C-alpha atoms as a PDB file:
ATOM      1  CA  UNK A   1     -37.700  -9.489 -39.200  1.00  0.00           C
ATOM      2  CA  UNK A   2     -34.056  -8.583 -39.929  1.00  0.00           C
ATOM      3  CA  UNK A   3     -31.536 -11.392 -39.951  1.00  0.00           C
ATOM      4  CA  UNK A   4     -28.760 -11.440 -37.326  1.00  0.00           C
ATOM      5  CA  UNK A   5     -25.173 -12.048 -38.479  1.00  0.00           C
ATOM      6  CA  UNK A   6     -23.623 -14.269 -35.867  1.00  0.00           C
ATOM      7  CA  UNK A   7     -20.010 -13.526 -36.813  1.00  0.00           C
ATOM      8  CA  UNK A   8     -20.576  -9.789 -36.748  1.00  0.00           C
ATOM      9  CA  UNK A   9     -22.283 -10.045 -33.369  1.00  0.00           C
ATOM     10  CA  UNK A  10     -19.373 -12.117 -31.976  1.00  0.00           C
ATOM     11  CA  UNK A  11     -16.870  -9.579 -33.319  1.00  0.00           C
ATOM     12  CA  UNK A  12     -18.772  -6.723 -31.671  1.00  0.00           C
ATOM     13  CA  UNK A  13     -18.909  -8.642 -28.406  1.00  0.00           C
ATOM     14  CA  UNK A  14     -15.116  -9.325 -28.590  1.00  0.00           C
ATOM     15  CA  UNK A  15     -14.484  -5.606 -29.190  1.00  0.00           C
ATOM     16  CA  UNK A  16     -16.446  -4.713 -26.102  1.00  0.00           C
ATOM     17  CA  UNK A  17     -14.638  -7.327 -24.016  1.00  0.00           C
ATOM     18  CA  UNK A  18     -11.279  -6.206 -25.322  1.00  0.00           C
ATOM     19  CA  UNK A  19     -11.910  -2.648 -24.220  1.00  0.00           C
ATOM     20  CA  UNK A  20     -12.885  -3.871 -20.780  1.00  0.00           C
ATOM     21  CA  UNK A  21      -9.841  -6.143 -20.558  1.00  0.00           C
ATOM     22  CA  UNK A  22      -7.593  -3.217 -21.500  1.00  0.00           C
ATOM     23  CA  UNK A  23      -8.834  -1.124 -18.556  1.00  0.00           C
ATOM     24  CA  UNK A  24      -8.186  -4.034 -16.168  1.00  0.00           C
ATOM     25  CA  UNK A  25      -4.724  -4.531 -17.668  1.00  0.00           C
ATOM     26  CA  UNK A  26      -3.981  -0.841 -17.082  1.00  0.00           C
ATOM     27  CA  UNK A  27      -5.215  -1.124 -13.475  1.00  0.00           C
ATOM     28  CA  UNK A  28      -3.022  -4.165 -12.829  1.00  0.00           C
ATOM     29  CA  UNK A  29       0.009  -2.329 -14.304  1.00  0.00           C
ATOM     30  CA  UNK A  30      -0.646   0.687 -12.082  1.00  0.00           C
ATOM     31  CA  UNK A  31      -1.059  -1.493  -8.970  1.00  0.00           C
ATOM     32  CA  UNK A  32       2.160  -3.340  -9.797  1.00  0.00           C
ATOM     33  CA  UNK A  33       3.997  -0.024 -10.200  1.00  0.00           C
ATOM     34  CA  UNK A  34       2.724   1.102  -6.757  1.00  0.00           C
ATOM     35  CA  UNK A  35       3.918  -2.179  -5.269  1.00  0.00           C
ATOM     36  CA  UNK A  36       7.326  -1.864  -6.952  1.00  0.00           C
ATOM     37  CA  UNK A  37       7.713   1.698  -5.750  1.00  0.00           C
ATOM     38  CA  UNK A  38       6.721   0.762  -2.174  1.00  0.00           C
ATOM     39  CA  UNK A  39       9.347  -1.989  -2.224  1.00  0.00           C
ATOM     40  CA  UNK A  40      11.944   0.485  -3.528  1.00  0.00           C
ATOM     41  CA  UNK A  41      10.967   3.007  -0.816  1.00  0.00           C
ATOM     42  CA  UNK A  42      11.249   0.372   1.902  1.00  0.00           C
ATOM     43  CA  UNK A  43      14.728  -0.596   0.642  1.00  0.00           C
ATOM     44  CA  UNK A  44      15.793   3.089   0.489  1.00  0.00           C
ATOM     45  CA  UNK A  45      14.550   3.658   4.043  1.00  0.00           C
ATOM     46  CA  UNK A  46      16.506   0.602   5.280  1.00  0.00           C
ATOM     47  CA  UNK A  47      19.642   1.911   3.495  1.00  0.00           C
ATOM     48  CA  UNK A  48      19.093   5.348   5.067  1.00  0.00           C
ATOM     49  CA  UNK A  49      18.743   3.872   8.557  1.00  0.00           C
ATOM     50  CA  UNK A  50      21.927   1.790   8.094  1.00  0.00           C
ATOM     51  CA  UNK A  51      23.864   4.777   6.815  1.00  0.00           C
ATOM     52  CA  UNK A  52      22.699   6.901   9.771  1.00  0.00           C
ATOM     53  CA  UNK A  53      23.715   4.203  12.245  1.00  0.00           C
ATOM     54  CA  UNK A  54      27.064   3.829  10.523  1.00  0.00           C
ATOM     55  CA  UNK A  55      27.621   7.581  10.738  1.00  0.00           C
ATOM     56  CA  UNK A  56      26.958   7.584  14.465  1.00  0.00           C
ATOM     57  CA  UNK A  57      29.258   4.572  14.923  1.00  0.00           C
ATOM     58  CA  UNK A  58      31.916   6.443  12.984  1.00  0.00           C
ATOM     59  CA  UNK A  59      31.799   9.192  15.597  1.00  0.00           C
ATOM     60  CA  UNK A  60      29.107  11.615  14.433  1.00  0.00           C
ATOM     61  CA  UNK A  61      26.769  12.589  17.205  1.00  0.00           C
ATOM     62  CA  UNK A  62      23.046  12.884  16.517  1.00  0.00           C
ATOM     63  CA  UNK A  63      23.348  16.586  17.356  1.00  0.00           C
ATOM     64  CA  UNK A  64      26.103  17.089  14.758  1.00  0.00           C
ATOM     65  CA  UNK A  65      24.143  15.227  12.126  1.00  0.00           C
ATOM     66  CA  UNK A  66      21.068  17.302  12.952  1.00  0.00           C
ATOM     67  CA  UNK A  67      23.100  20.509  12.455  1.00  0.00           C
ATOM     68  CA  UNK A  68      24.000  19.201   9.022  1.00  0.00           C
ATOM     69  CA  UNK A  69      20.307  18.642   8.244  1.00  0.00           C
ATOM     70  CA  UNK A  70      20.635  14.905   8.690  1.00  0.00           C
ATOM     71  CA  UNK A  71      18.130  13.984  11.374  1.00  0.00           C
ATOM     72  CA  UNK A  72      17.192  10.356  11.916  1.00  0.00           C
ATOM     73  CA  UNK A  73      14.576   9.097   9.509  1.00  0.00           C
ATOM     74  CA  UNK A  74      11.588  10.330  11.508  1.00  0.00           C
ATOM     75  CA  UNK A  75       9.126   9.564   8.711  1.00  0.00           C
ATOM     76  CA  UNK A  76       9.593   5.840   9.241  1.00  0.00           C
ATOM     77  CA  UNK A  77       9.123   6.165  13.007  1.00  0.00           C
ATOM     78  CA  UNK A  78       5.991   8.292  12.506  1.00  0.00           C
ATOM     79  CA  UNK A  79       4.564   5.781  10.067  1.00  0.00           C
ATOM     80  CA  UNK A  80       5.116   2.930  12.496  1.00  0.00           C
ATOM     81  CA  UNK A  81       3.586   4.898  15.362  1.00  0.00           C
ATOM     82  CA  UNK A  82       0.564   5.745  13.225  1.00  0.00           C
ATOM     83  CA  UNK A  83       0.211   2.141  12.186  1.00  0.00           C
ATOM     84  CA  UNK A  84       0.186   1.059  15.859  1.00  0.00           C
ATOM     85  CA  UNK A  85      -2.385   3.658  16.714  1.00  0.00           C
ATOM     86  CA  UNK A  86      -4.531   2.763  13.716  1.00  0.00           C
ATOM     87  CA  UNK A  87      -4.106  -0.945  14.541  1.00  0.00           C
ATOM     88  CA  UNK A  88      -5.262  -0.366  18.129  1.00  0.00           C
ATOM     89  CA  UNK A  89      -8.326   1.529  16.943  1.00  0.00           C
ATOM     90  CA  UNK A  90      -9.234  -1.163  14.434  1.00  0.00           C
ATOM     91  CA  UNK A  91      -8.619  -3.901  16.994  1.00  0.00           C
ATOM     92  CA  UNK A  92     -10.984  -2.148  19.380  1.00  0.00           C
ATOM     93  CA  UNK A  93     -13.582  -1.736  16.639  1.00  0.00           C
ATOM     94  CA  UNK A  94     -13.198  -5.370  15.671  1.00  0.00           C
ATOM     95  CA  UNK A  95     -13.631  -6.407  19.299  1.00  0.00           C
ATOM     96  CA  UNK A  96     -16.821  -4.363  19.485  1.00  0.00           C
ATOM     97  CA  UNK A  97     -18.114  -5.980  16.285  1.00  0.00           C
ATOM     98  CA  UNK A  98     -17.286  -9.457  17.599  1.00  0.00           C
ATOM     99  CA  UNK A  99     -19.106  -8.743  20.849  1.00  0.00           C
ATOM    100  CA  UNK A 100     -22.105  -7.445  18.917  1.00  0.00           C
ATOM    101  CA  UNK A 101     -22.090 -10.516  16.670  1.00  0.00           C
ATOM    102  CA  UNK A 102     -22.019 -12.853  19.656  1.00  0.00           C
ATOM    103  CA  UNK A 103     -24.833 -10.958  21.329  1.00  0.00           C
ATOM    104  CA  UNK A 104     -26.900 -11.127  18.176  1.00  0.00           C
ATOM    105  CA  UNK A 105     -26.306 -14.882  17.885  1.00  0.00           C
ATOM    106  CA  UNK A 106     -27.364 -15.464  21.479  1.00  0.00           C
ATOM    107  CA  UNK A 107     -30.823 -13.990  20.786  1.00  0.00           C
END
């Protein structure tokens, strides 16, 4: 039977683990970048909303701003509306699941 070199085996195992750790590290970095960009987008959307409100307070009408291609930030409103709709649907589904769970427990 061939002899097994413990040190060589440990080094091979470490090499395998290192390659796996590297992929997780890359995943964490990508997720952090997404989080950072979402935070930057949220800040930019807040700044945009404030600037739009300031423009209207300074005398620009929404119609004038629209003619200039500066409509209110509809994307933010759409996203909130979609979130509410999605939330309602998931609440309904969750309620159905809870009712089913309670029924199953009663039997």
